[in-house]
Amino acid sequence: DRARAYQLERSVVKLMRGLLFCMMRQADKVESFKRMPIKENALHAKYD
């Protein structure tokens, strides 16, 4: 049971960090959006 709890937690962390990495690859868009909040500068809604 304790192993399952740990494995489930790691799956959550892996997904949340996976999304973080996807967005961090678009850090330049975040900077552009802060200066000009238009749709062309937005973070992507989906990733490969």
All heavy atoms as atom14 arrays in JSON, in Angstrom:
{
  "sequence": "DRARAYQLERSVVKLMRGLLFCMMRQADKVESFKRMPIKENALHAKYD",
  "atom14_mask": [
    [1, 1, 1, 1, 1, 1, 1, 1, 0, 0, 0, 0, 0, 0],
    [1, 1, 1, 1, 1, 1, 1, 1, 1, 1, 1, 0, 0, 0],
    [1, 1, 1, 1, 1, 0, 0, 0, 0, 0, 0, 0, 0, 0],
    [1, 1, 1, 1, 1, 1, 1, 1, 1, 1, 1, 0, 0, 0],
    [1, 1, 1, 1, 1, 0, 0, 0, 0, 0, 0, 0, 0, 0],
    [1, 1, 1, 1, 1, 1, 1, 1, 1, 1, 1, 1, 0, 0],
    [1, 1, 1, 1, 1, 1, 1, 1, 1, 0, 0, 0, 0, 0],
    [1, 1, 1, 1, 1, 1, 1, 1, 0, 0, 0, 0, 0, 0],
    [1, 1, 1, 1, 1, 1, 1, 1, 1, 0, 0, 0, 0, 0],
    [1, 1, 1, 1, 1, 1, 1, 1, 1, 1, 1, 0, 0, 0],
    [1, 1, 1, 1, 1, 1, 0, 0, 0, 0, 0, 0, 0, 0],
    [1, 1, 1, 1, 1, 1, 1, 0, 0, 0, 0, 0, 0, 0],
    [1, 1, 1, 1, 1, 1, 1, 0, 0, 0, 0, 0, 0, 0],
    [1, 1, 1, 1, 1, 1, 1, 1, 1, 0, 0, 0, 0, 0],
    [1, 1, 1, 1, 1, 1, 1, 1, 0, 0, 0, 0, 0, 0],
    [1, 1, 1, 1, 1, 1, 1, 1, 0, 0, 0, 0, 0, 0],
    [1, 1, 1, 1, 1, 1, 1, 1, 1, 1, 1, 0, 0, 0],
    [1, 1, 1, 1, 0, 0, 0, 0, 0, 0, 0, 0, 0, 0],
    [1, 1, 1, 1, 1, 1, 1, 1, 0, 0, 0, 0, 0, 0],
    [1, 1, 1, 1, 1, 1, 1, 1, 0, 0, 0, 0, 0, 0],
    [1, 1, 1, 1, 1, 1, 1, 1, 1, 1, 1, 0, 0, 0],
    [1, 1, 1, 1, 1, 1, 0, 0, 0, 0, 0, 0, 0, 0],
    [1, 1, 1, 1, 1, 1, 1, 1, 0, 0, 0, 0, 0, 0],
    [1, 1, 1, 1, 1, 1, 1, 1, 0, 0, 0, 0, 0, 0],
    [1, 1, 1, 1, 1, 1, 1, 1, 1, 1, 1, 0, 0, 0],
    [1, 1, 1, 1, 1, 1, 1, 1, 1, 0, 0, 0, 0, 0],
    [1, 1, 1, 1, 1, 0, 0, 0, 0, 0, 0, 0, 0, 0],
    [1, 1, 1, 1, 1, 1, 1, 1, 0, 0, 0, 0, 0, 0],
    [1, 1, 1, 1, 1, 1, 1, 1, 1, 0, 0, 0, 0, 0],
    [1, 1, 1, 1, 1, 1, 1, 0, 0, 0, 0, 0, 0, 0],
    [1, 1, 1, 1, 1, 1, 1, 1, 1, 0, 0, 0, 0, 0],
    [1, 1, 1, 1, 1, 1, 0, 0, 0, 0, 0, 0, 0, 0],
    [1, 1, 1, 1, 1, 1, 1, 1, 1, 1, 1, 0, 0, 0],
    [1, 1, 1, 1, 1, 1, 1, 1, 1, 0, 0, 0, 0, 0],
    [1, 1, 1, 1, 1, 1, 1, 1, 1, 1, 1, 0, 0, 0],
    [1, 1, 1, 1, 1, 1, 1, 1, 0, 0, 0, 0, 0, 0],
    [1, 1, 1, 1, 1, 1, 1, 0, 0, 0, 0, 0, 0, 0],
    [1, 1, 1, 1, 1, 1, 1, 1, 0, 0, 0, 0, 0, 0],
    [1, 1, 1, 1, 1, 1, 1, 1, 1, 0, 0, 0, 0, 0],
    [1, 1, 1, 1, 1, 1, 1, 1, 1, 0, 0, 0, 0, 0],
    [1, 1, 1, 1, 1, 1, 1, 1, 0, 0, 0, 0, 0, 0],
    [1, 1, 1, 1, 1, 0, 0, 0, 0, 0, 0, 0, 0, 0],
    [1, 1, 1, 1, 1, 1, 1, 1, 0, 0, 0, 0, 0, 0],
    [1, 1, 1, 1, 1, 1, 1, 1, 1, 1, 0, 0, 0, 0],
    [1, 1, 1, 1, 1, 0, 0, 0, 0, 0, 0, 0, 0, 0],
    [1, 1, 1, 1, 1, 1, 1, 1, 1, 0, 0, 0, 0, 0],
    [1, 1, 1, 1, 1, 1, 1, 1, 1, 1, 1, 1, 0, 0],
    [1, 1, 1, 1, 1, 1, 1, 1, 0, 0, 0, 0, 0, 0]
  ],
  "atom14_positions": [
    [[0.83, -1.2, 0.0], [0.0, 0.0, 0.0], [0.86, 1.25, 0.0], [0.6, 2.21, -0.73], [-0.93, 0.02, 1.22], [-1.96, -1.09, 1.19], [-2.25, -1.58, 0.07], [-2.46, -1.46, 2.25], [0.0, 0.0, 0.0], [0.0, 0.0, 0.0], [0.0, 0.0, 0.0], [0.0, 0.0, 0.0], [0.0, 0.0, 0.0], [0.0, 0.0, 0.0]],
    [[1.9, 1.25, 0.82], [2.79, 2.41, 0.88], [3.54, 2.59, -0.44], [3.78, 3.72, -0.88], [3.77, 2.26, 2.04], [3.11, 2.52, 3.41], [4.12, 2.4, 4.55], [4.35, 1.0, 4.89], [3.6, 0.31, 5.73], [2.58, 0.89, 6.33], [3.87, -0.96, 6.01], [0.0, 0.0, 0.0], [0.0, 0.0, 0.0], [0.0, 0.0, 0.0]],
    [[3.88, 1.49, -1.08], [4.55, 1.57, -2.38], [3.62, 2.17, -3.43], [4.03, 2.97, -4.27], [5.01, 0.18, -2.81], [0.0, 0.0, 0.0], [0.0, 0.0, 0.0], [0.0, 0.0, 0.0], [0.0, 0.0, 0.0], [0.0, 0.0, 0.0], [0.0, 0.0, 0.0], [0.0, 0.0, 0.0], [0.0, 0.0, 0.0], [0.0, 0.0, 0.0]],
    [[2.35, 1.77, -3.36], [1.39, 2.32, -4.31], [1.2, 3.83, -4.11], [1.1, 4.59, -5.08], [0.05, 1.6, -4.17], [0.04, 0.22, -4.8], [-1.3, -0.46, -4.65], [-1.33, -1.73, -5.38], [-2.36, -2.56, -5.39], [-3.46, -2.26, -4.7], [-2.31, -3.69, -6.1], [0.0, 0.0, 0.0], [0.0, 0.0, 0.0], [0.0, 0.0, 0.0]],
    [[1.15, 4.25, -2.84], [1.02, 5.68, -2.56], [2.2, 6.44, -3.17], [2.01, 7.48, -3.81], [0.95, 5.91, -1.05], [0.0, 0.0, 0.0], [0.0, 0.0, 0.0], [0.0, 0.0, 0.0], [0.0, 0.0, 0.0], [0.0, 0.0, 0.0], [0.0, 0.0, 0.0], [0.0, 0.0, 0.0], [0.0, 0.0, 0.0], [0.0, 0.0, 0.0]],
    [[3.39, 5.9, -2.99], [4.59, 6.55, -3.54], [4.57, 6.58, -5.06], [4.87, 7.61, -5.68], [5.84, 5.82, -3.05], [7.13, 6.4, -3.59], [7.68, 7.55, -3.04], [7.77, 5.79, -4.67], [8.86, 8.08, -3.55], [8.94, 6.31, -5.18], [9.48, 7.46, -4.62], [10.64, 8.0, -5.13], [0.0, 0.0, 0.0], [0.0, 0.0, 0.0]],
    [[4.2, 5.47, -5.67], [4.17, 5.4, -7.13], [3.14, 6.37, -7.72], [3.4, 7.01, -8.75], [3.88, 3.97, -7.57], [5.0, 2.98, -7.26], [4.54, 1.54, -7.32], [3.42, 1.23, -7.72], [5.41, 0.63, -6.89], [0.0, 0.0, 0.0], [0.0, 0.0, 0.0], [0.0, 0.0, 0.0], [0.0, 0.0, 0.0], [0.0, 0.0, 0.0]],
    [[2.0, 6.47, -7.08], [0.98, 7.41, -7.55], [1.47, 8.84, -7.42], [1.26, 9.67, -8.33], [-0.31, 7.22, -6.76], [-1.06, 5.9, -6.99], [-2.14, 5.69, -5.93], [-1.68, 5.87, -8.39], [0.0, 0.0, 0.0], [0.0, 0.0, 0.0], [0.0, 0.0, 0.0], [0.0, 0.0, 0.0], [0.0, 0.0, 0.0], [0.0, 0.0, 0.0]],
    [[2.12, 9.16, -6.32], [2.65, 10.51, -6.13], [3.68, 10.83, -7.21], [3.7, 11.94, -7.76], [3.29, 10.63, -4.75], [2.29, 10.65, -3.61], [2.97, 10.63, -2.25], [4.23, 10.48, -2.23], [2.28, 10.75, -1.23], [0.0, 0.0, 0.0], [0.0, 0.0, 0.0], [0.0, 0.0, 0.0], [0.0, 0.0, 0.0], [0.0, 0.0, 0.0]],
    [[4.54, 9.86, -7.52], [5.57, 10.11, -8.55], [4.93, 10.33, -9.92], [5.44, 11.13, -10.72], [6.53, 8.92, -8.63], [7.41, 8.69, -7.41], [8.18, 9.92, -7.01], [7.51, 10.7, -5.99], [7.81, 11.94, -5.66], [8.79, 12.57, -6.28], [7.15, 12.58, -4.71], [0.0, 0.0, 0.0], [0.0, 0.0, 0.0], [0.0, 0.0, 0.0]],
    [[3.82, 9.65, -10.19], [3.13, 9.86, -11.47], [2.57, 11.26, -11.56], [2.6, 11.9, -12.63], [2.0, 8.83, -11.62], [2.5, 7.52, -11.69], [0.0, 0.0, 0.0], [0.0, 0.0, 0.0], [0.0, 0.0, 0.0], [0.0, 0.0, 0.0], [0.0, 0.0, 0.0], [0.0, 0.0, 0.0], [0.0, 0.0, 0.0], [0.0, 0.0, 0.0]],
    [[2.05, 11.77, -10.43], [1.53, 13.14, -10.41], [2.66, 14.14, -10.64], [2.55, 15.05, -11.46], [0.83, 13.43, -9.06], [0.38, 14.89, -8.99], [-0.36, 12.51, -8.86], [0.0, 0.0, 0.0], [0.0, 0.0, 0.0], [0.0, 0.0, 0.0], [0.0, 0.0, 0.0], [0.0, 0.0, 0.0], [0.0, 0.0, 0.0], [0.0, 0.0, 0.0]],
    [[3.76, 13.97, -9.92], [4.9, 14.89, -10.06], [5.45, 14.85, -11.48], [5.78, 15.89, -12.06], [6.0, 14.52, -9.04], [7.26, 15.33, -9.3], [5.51, 14.76, -7.62], [0.0, 0.0, 0.0], [0.0, 0.0, 0.0], [0.0, 0.0, 0.0], [0.0, 0.0, 0.0], [0.0, 0.0, 0.0], [0.0, 0.0, 0.0], [0.0, 0.0, 0.0]],
    [[5.52, 13.66, -12.05], [6.07, 13.53, -13.41], [5.2, 14.29, -14.41], [5.72, 14.97, -15.31], [6.16, 12.06, -13.8], [6.9, 11.8, -15.11], [7.13, 10.34, -15.34], [7.93, 10.1, -16.62], [9.3, 10.64, -16.54], [0.0, 0.0, 0.0], [0.0, 0.0, 0.0], [0.0, 0.0, 0.0], [0.0, 0.0, 0.0], [0.0, 0.0, 0.0]],
    [[3.89, 14.19, -14.28], [3.01, 14.9, -15.2], [3.11, 16.41, -15.01], [3.22, 17.16, -15.99], [1.56, 14.44, -15.02], [0.55, 15.08, -15.97], [-0.49, 14.06, -16.43], [-0.15, 16.28, -15.34], [0.0, 0.0, 0.0], [0.0, 0.0, 0.0], [0.0, 0.0, 0.0], [0.0, 0.0, 0.0], [0.0, 0.0, 0.0], [0.0, 0.0, 0.0]],
    [[3.07, 16.86, -13.76], [3.12, 18.31, -13.52], [4.45, 18.89, -13.97], [4.51, 20.01, -14.51], [2.89, 18.58, -12.03], [1.5, 18.23, -11.53], [0.19, 19.24, -12.27], [0.43, 20.79, -11.41], [0.0, 0.0, 0.0], [0.0, 0.0, 0.0], [0.0, 0.0, 0.0], [0.0, 0.0, 0.0], [0.0, 0.0, 0.0], [0.0, 0.0, 0.0]],
    [[5.52, 18.15, -13.78], [6.82, 18.63, -14.26], [6.92, 18.53, -15.79], [7.58, 19.35, -16.43], [7.95, 17.84, -13.6], [8.12, 18.19, -12.13], [9.37, 17.55, -11.52], [10.59, 17.96, -12.19], [11.19, 19.13, -12.01], [10.66, 20.03, -11.19], [12.31, 19.41, -12.63], [0.0, 0.0, 0.0], [0.0, 0.0, 0.0], [0.0, 0.0, 0.0]],
    [[6.25, 17.54, -16.36], [6.22, 17.46, -17.82], [5.56, 18.69, -18.43], [6.06, 19.26, -19.42], [0.0, 0.0, 0.0], [0.0, 0.0, 0.0], [0.0, 0.0, 0.0], [0.0, 0.0, 0.0], [0.0, 0.0, 0.0], [0.0, 0.0, 0.0], [0.0, 0.0, 0.0], [0.0, 0.0, 0.0], [0.0, 0.0, 0.0], [0.0, 0.0, 0.0]],
    [[4.44, 19.11, -17.85], [3.79, 20.33, -18.32], [4.68, 21.55, -18.1], [4.74, 22.46, -18.94], [2.46, 20.52, -17.6], [1.34, 19.53, -17.94], [0.12, 19.78, -17.07], [0.96, 19.62, -19.41], [0.0, 0.0, 0.0], [0.0, 0.0, 0.0], [0.0, 0.0, 0.0], [0.0, 0.0, 0.0], [0.0, 0.0, 0.0], [0.0, 0.0, 0.0]],
    [[5.37, 21.58, -16.96], [6.27, 22.7, -16.67], [7.37, 22.8, -17.72], [7.68, 23.89, -18.22], [6.88, 22.52, -15.28], [7.86, 23.59, -14.83], [7.14, 24.93, -14.62], [8.58, 23.18, -13.55], [0.0, 0.0, 0.0], [0.0, 0.0, 0.0], [0.0, 0.0, 0.0], [0.0, 0.0, 0.0], [0.0, 0.0, 0.0], [0.0, 0.0, 0.0]],
    [[7.96, 21.66, -18.09], [9.01, 21.68, -19.09], [8.48, 22.16, -20.44], [9.16, 22.9, -21.16], [9.62, 20.27, -19.24], [10.4, 19.82, -18.05], [10.56, 18.47, -17.78], [10.98, 20.73, -17.19], [11.27, 18.05, -16.67], [11.69, 20.32, -16.07], [11.84, 18.98, -15.82], [0.0, 0.0, 0.0], [0.0, 0.0, 0.0], [0.0, 0.0, 0.0]],
    [[7.28, 21.72, -20.8], [6.68, 22.18, -22.06], [6.55, 23.7, -22.09], [6.87, 24.35, -23.09], [5.3, 21.54, -22.25], [5.32, 19.77, -22.55], [0.0, 0.0, 0.0], [0.0, 0.0, 0.0], [0.0, 0.0, 0.0], [0.0, 0.0, 0.0], [0.0, 0.0, 0.0], [0.0, 0.0, 0.0], [0.0, 0.0, 0.0], [0.0, 0.0, 0.0]],
    [[6.08, 24.25, -20.99], [5.87, 25.71, -20.93], [7.2, 26.46, -20.84], [7.35, 27.54, -21.41], [4.96, 26.05, -19.76], [3.52, 25.57, -19.96], [2.37, 26.12, -18.67], [2.8, 24.96, -17.37], [0.0, 0.0, 0.0], [0.0, 0.0, 0.0], [0.0, 0.0, 0.0], [0.0, 0.0, 0.0], [0.0, 0.0, 0.0], [0.0, 0.0, 0.0]],
    [[8.17, 25.89, -20.12], [9.46, 26.56, -20.0], [10.17, 26.66, -21.34], [10.96, 27.59, -21.56], [10.34, 25.82, -18.99], [9.91, 26.0, -17.55], [11.03, 25.24, -16.35], [12.42, 26.36, -16.42], [0.0, 0.0, 0.0], [0.0, 0.0, 0.0], [0.0, 0.0, 0.0], [0.0, 0.0, 0.0], [0.0, 0.0, 0.0], [0.0, 0.0, 0.0]],
    [[9.89, 25.74, -22.24], [10.47, 25.82, -23.58], [9.9, 26.99, -24.36], [10.43, 27.36, -25.41], [10.23, 24.51, -24.33], [10.96, 23.32, -23.71], [10.59, 22.01, -24.35], [11.12, 21.87, -25.7], [11.1, 20.74, -26.39], [10.59, 19.65, -25.83], [11.58, 20.68, -27.6], [0.0, 0.0, 0.0], [0.0, 0.0, 0.0], [0.0, 0.0, 0.0]],
    [[8.82, 27.58, -23.85], [8.22, 28.74, -24.49], [8.35, 29.99, -23.61], [7.51, 30.87, -23.61], [6.75, 28.48, -24.79], [6.53, 27.4, -25.84], [5.16, 27.51, -26.48], [4.14, 27.48, -25.81], [5.16, 27.67, -27.79], [0.0, 0.0, 0.0], [0.0, 0.0, 0.0], [0.0, 0.0, 0.0], [0.0, 0.0, 0.0], [0.0, 0.0, 0.0]],
    [[9.43, 30.03, -22.84], [9.65, 31.16, -21.92], [9.68, 32.5, -22.67], [9.26, 33.53, -22.13], [10.95, 30.96, -21.15], [0.0, 0.0, 0.0], [0.0, 0.0, 0.0], [0.0, 0.0, 0.0], [0.0, 0.0, 0.0], [0.0, 0.0, 0.0], [0.0, 0.0, 0.0], [0.0, 0.0, 0.0], [0.0, 0.0, 0.0], [0.0, 0.0, 0.0]],
    [[10.19, 32.48, -23.9], [10.24, 33.73, -24.67], [8.84, 34.25, -24.97], [8.61, 35.47, -25.03], [11.02, 33.53, -25.97], [10.43, 32.41, -26.82], [9.84, 31.47, -26.26], [10.55, 32.49, -28.07], [0.0, 0.0, 0.0], [0.0, 0.0, 0.0], [0.0, 0.0, 0.0], [0.0, 0.0, 0.0], [0.0, 0.0, 0.0], [0.0, 0.0, 0.0]],
    [[7.87, 33.34, -25.13], [6.5, 33.76, -25.37], [5.91, 34.43, -24.13], [5.14, 35.38, -24.23], [5.63, 32.57, -25.79], [5.77, 32.18, -27.25], [4.75, 31.13, -27.61], [4.7, 30.96, -29.12], [4.16, 32.16, -29.78], [0.0, 0.0, 0.0], [0.0, 0.0, 0.0], [0.0, 0.0, 0.0], [0.0, 0.0, 0.0], [0.0, 0.0, 0.0]],
    [[6.25, 33.9, -22.96], [5.75, 34.5, -21.73], [6.25, 35.93, -21.62], [5.49, 36.84, -21.27], [6.2, 33.67, -20.5], [5.73, 34.33, -19.21], [5.64, 32.26, -20.6], [0.0, 0.0, 0.0], [0.0, 0.0, 0.0], [0.0, 0.0, 0.0], [0.0, 0.0, 0.0], [0.0, 0.0, 0.0], [0.0, 0.0, 0.0], [0.0, 0.0, 0.0]],
    [[7.52, 36.16, -21.92], [8.08, 37.51, -21.88], [7.39, 38.41, -22.88], [7.06, 39.56, -22.58], [9.58, 37.46, -22.16], [10.41, 36.8, -21.07], [10.34, 37.56, -19.76], [10.21, 38.79, -19.79], [10.4, 36.91, -18.7], [0.0, 0.0, 0.0], [0.0, 0.0, 0.0], [0.0, 0.0, 0.0], [0.0, 0.0, 0.0], [0.0, 0.0, 0.0]],
    [[7.15, 37.89, -24.08], [6.48, 38.71, -25.12], [5.05, 39.02, -24.72], [4.56, 40.14, -24.93], [6.5, 37.97, -26.46], [7.82, 37.72, -26.88], [0.0, 0.0, 0.0], [0.0, 0.0, 0.0], [0.0, 0.0, 0.0], [0.0, 0.0, 0.0], [0.0, 0.0, 0.0], [0.0, 0.0, 0.0], [0.0, 0.0, 0.0], [0.0, 0.0, 0.0]],
    [[4.37, 38.05, -24.12], [2.97, 38.24, -23.74], [2.84, 39.28, -22.63], [1.87, 40.06, -22.61], [2.38, 36.91, -23.27], [0.89, 36.95, -23.06], [0.02, 36.7, -24.11], [0.35, 37.24, -21.83], [-1.36, 36.74, -23.93], [-1.02, 37.27, -21.63], [-1.88, 37.02, -22.68], [0.0, 0.0, 0.0], [0.0, 0.0, 0.0], [0.0, 0.0, 0.0]],
    [[3.79, 39.33, -21.72], [3.73, 40.31, -20.65], [3.8, 41.73, -21.21], [3.19, 42.65, -20.65], [4.87, 40.09, -19.66], [4.73, 38.83, -18.82], [5.71, 38.8, -17.67], [7.13, 38.96, -18.1], [8.08, 38.85, -16.98], [0.0, 0.0, 0.0], [0.0, 0.0, 0.0], [0.0, 0.0, 0.0], [0.0, 0.0, 0.0], [0.0, 0.0, 0.0]],
    [[4.51, 41.89, -22.31], [4.63, 43.22, -22.91], [3.49, 43.51, -23.89], [3.04, 44.64, -24.02], [5.97, 43.35, -23.63], [7.16, 43.34, -22.69], [8.48, 43.22, -23.42], [9.61, 43.34, -22.53], [10.08, 42.37, -21.76], [9.49, 41.18, -21.8], [11.1, 42.56, -20.97], [0.0, 0.0, 0.0], [0.0, 0.0, 0.0], [0.0, 0.0, 0.0]],
    [[3.02, 42.47, -24.57], [1.95, 42.63, -25.55], [1.04, 41.4, -25.49], [1.3, 40.4, -26.15], [2.52, 42.8, -26.96], [1.48, 43.17, -28.01], [2.23, 43.45, -29.64], [3.26, 44.88, -29.31], [0.0, 0.0, 0.0], [0.0, 0.0, 0.0], [0.0, 0.0, 0.0], [0.0, 0.0, 0.0], [0.0, 0.0, 0.0], [0.0, 0.0, 0.0]],
    [[-0.03, 41.45, -24.69], [-0.9, 40.27, -24.49], [-1.82, 40.02, -25.68], [-3.02, 40.28, -25.64], [-1.68, 40.63, -23.23], [-1.72, 42.12, -23.21], [-0.44, 42.57, -23.83], [0.0, 0.0, 0.0], [0.0, 0.0, 0.0], [0.0, 0.0, 0.0], [0.0, 0.0, 0.0], [0.0, 0.0, 0.0], [0.0, 0.0, 0.0], [0.0, 0.0, 0.0]],
    [[-1.26, 39.48, -26.75], [-2.04, 39.13, -27.93], [-1.94, 37.63, -28.16], [-1.05, 36.96, -27.62], [-1.55, 39.9, -29.18], [-0.06, 39.61, -29.43], [-1.79, 41.39, -29.01], [0.48, 40.27, -30.69], [0.0, 0.0, 0.0], [0.0, 0.0, 0.0], [0.0, 0.0, 0.0], [0.0, 0.0, 0.0], [0.0, 0.0, 0.0], [0.0, 0.0, 0.0]],
    [[-2.84, 37.1, -28.98], [-2.93, 35.65, -29.13], [-1.67, 35.04, -29.74], [-1.34, 33.88, -29.47], [-4.15, 35.28, -29.96], [-4.19, 35.9, -31.34], [-5.5, 35.57, -32.04], [-5.57, 36.18, -33.43], [-6.84, 35.87, -34.12], [0.0, 0.0, 0.0], [0.0, 0.0, 0.0], [0.0, 0.0, 0.0], [0.0, 0.0, 0.0], [0.0, 0.0, 0.0]],
    [[-0.94, 35.8, -30.57], [0.27, 35.25, -31.18], [1.38, 35.02, -30.16], [2.3, 34.24, -30.4], [0.77, 36.19, -32.28], [-0.09, 36.23, -33.53], [-1.35, 37.08, -33.35], [-1.42, 37.82, -32.34], [-2.24, 37.01, -34.22], [0.0, 0.0, 0.0], [0.0, 0.0, 0.0], [0.0, 0.0, 0.0], [0.0, 0.0, 0.0], [0.0, 0.0, 0.0]],
    [[1.31, 35.73, -29.03], [2.34, 35.59, -28.0], [1.96, 34.62, -26.89], [2.68, 34.49, -25.9], [2.65, 36.96, -27.38], [3.33, 37.9, -28.37], [3.92, 37.47, -29.35], [3.22, 39.19, -28.12], [0.0, 0.0, 0.0], [0.0, 0.0, 0.0], [0.0, 0.0, 0.0], [0.0, 0.0, 0.0], [0.0, 0.0, 0.0], [0.0, 0.0, 0.0]],
    [[0.82, 33.97, -27.03], [0.32, 33.13, -25.95], [1.05, 31.8, -25.86], [1.54, 31.27, -26.86], [-1.18, 32.88, -26.14], [0.0, 0.0, 0.0], [0.0, 0.0, 0.0], [0.0, 0.0, 0.0], [0.0, 0.0, 0.0], [0.0, 0.0, 0.0], [0.0, 0.0, 0.0], [0.0, 0.0, 0.0], [0.0, 0.0, 0.0], [0.0, 0.0, 0.0]],
    [[1.12, 31.26, -24.65], [1.59, 29.89, -24.47], [0.68, 28.93, -25.23], [-0.53, 29.16, -25.32], [1.56, 29.51, -22.99], [2.68, 30.03, -22.09], [2.33, 29.75, -20.63], [4.01, 29.37, -22.45], [0.0, 0.0, 0.0], [0.0, 0.0, 0.0], [0.0, 0.0, 0.0], [0.0, 0.0, 0.0], [0.0, 0.0, 0.0], [0.0, 0.0, 0.0]],
    [[1.23, 27.87, -25.75], [0.42, 26.9, -26.47], [-0.48, 26.13, -25.51], [-0.12, 25.9, -24.35], [1.3, 25.96, -27.27], [1.74, 26.55, -28.56], [1.98, 25.8, -29.69], [1.97, 27.84, -28.92], [2.34, 26.6, -30.69], [2.35, 27.84, -30.24], [0.0, 0.0, 0.0], [0.0, 0.0, 0.0], [0.0, 0.0, 0.0], [0.0, 0.0, 0.0]],
    [[-1.64, 25.76, -26.01], [-2.63, 25.06, -25.19], [-2.4, 23.56, -25.18], [-2.9, 22.86, -24.31], [-4.04, 25.35, -25.69], [0.0, 0.0, 0.0], [0.0, 0.0, 0.0], [0.0, 0.0, 0.0], [0.0, 0.0, 0.0], [0.0, 0.0, 0.0], [0.0, 0.0, 0.0], [0.0, 0.0, 0.0], [0.0, 0.0, 0.0], [0.0, 0.0, 0.0]],
    [[-1.63, 23.05, -26.16], [-1.36, 21.61, -26.23], [0.03, 21.38, -26.8], [0.58, 22.21, -27.52], [-2.42, 20.91, -27.08], [-2.53, 21.41, -28.52], [-3.6, 20.62, -29.27], [-3.71, 21.07, -30.72], [-4.67, 20.25, -31.48], [0.0, 0.0, 0.0], [0.0, 0.0, 0.0], [0.0, 0.0, 0.0], [0.0, 0.0, 0.0], [0.0, 0.0, 0.0]],
    [[0.57, 20.2, -26.46], [1.94, 19.87, -26.84], [2.01, 18.42, -27.32], [1.12, 17.62, -27.04], [2.89, 20.07, -25.65], [2.9, 21.48, -25.13], [2.05, 21.88, -24.1], [3.75, 22.45, -25.67], [2.05, 23.18, -23.62], [3.76, 23.75, -25.21], [2.91, 24.12, -24.18], [2.9, 25.41, -23.72], [0.0, 0.0, 0.0], [0.0, 0.0, 0.0]],
    [[3.09, 18.13, -28.02], [3.31, 16.76, -28.48], [3.61, 15.87, -27.28], [4.51, 16.16, -26.49], [4.48, 16.74, -29.47], [4.62, 15.39, -30.16], [4.85, 14.39, -29.45], [4.5, 15.32, -31.39], [0.0, 0.0, 0.0], [0.0, 0.0, 0.0], [0.0, 0.0, 0.0], [0.0, 0.0, 0.0], [0.0, 0.0, 0.0], [0.0, 0.0, 0.0]]
  ]
}
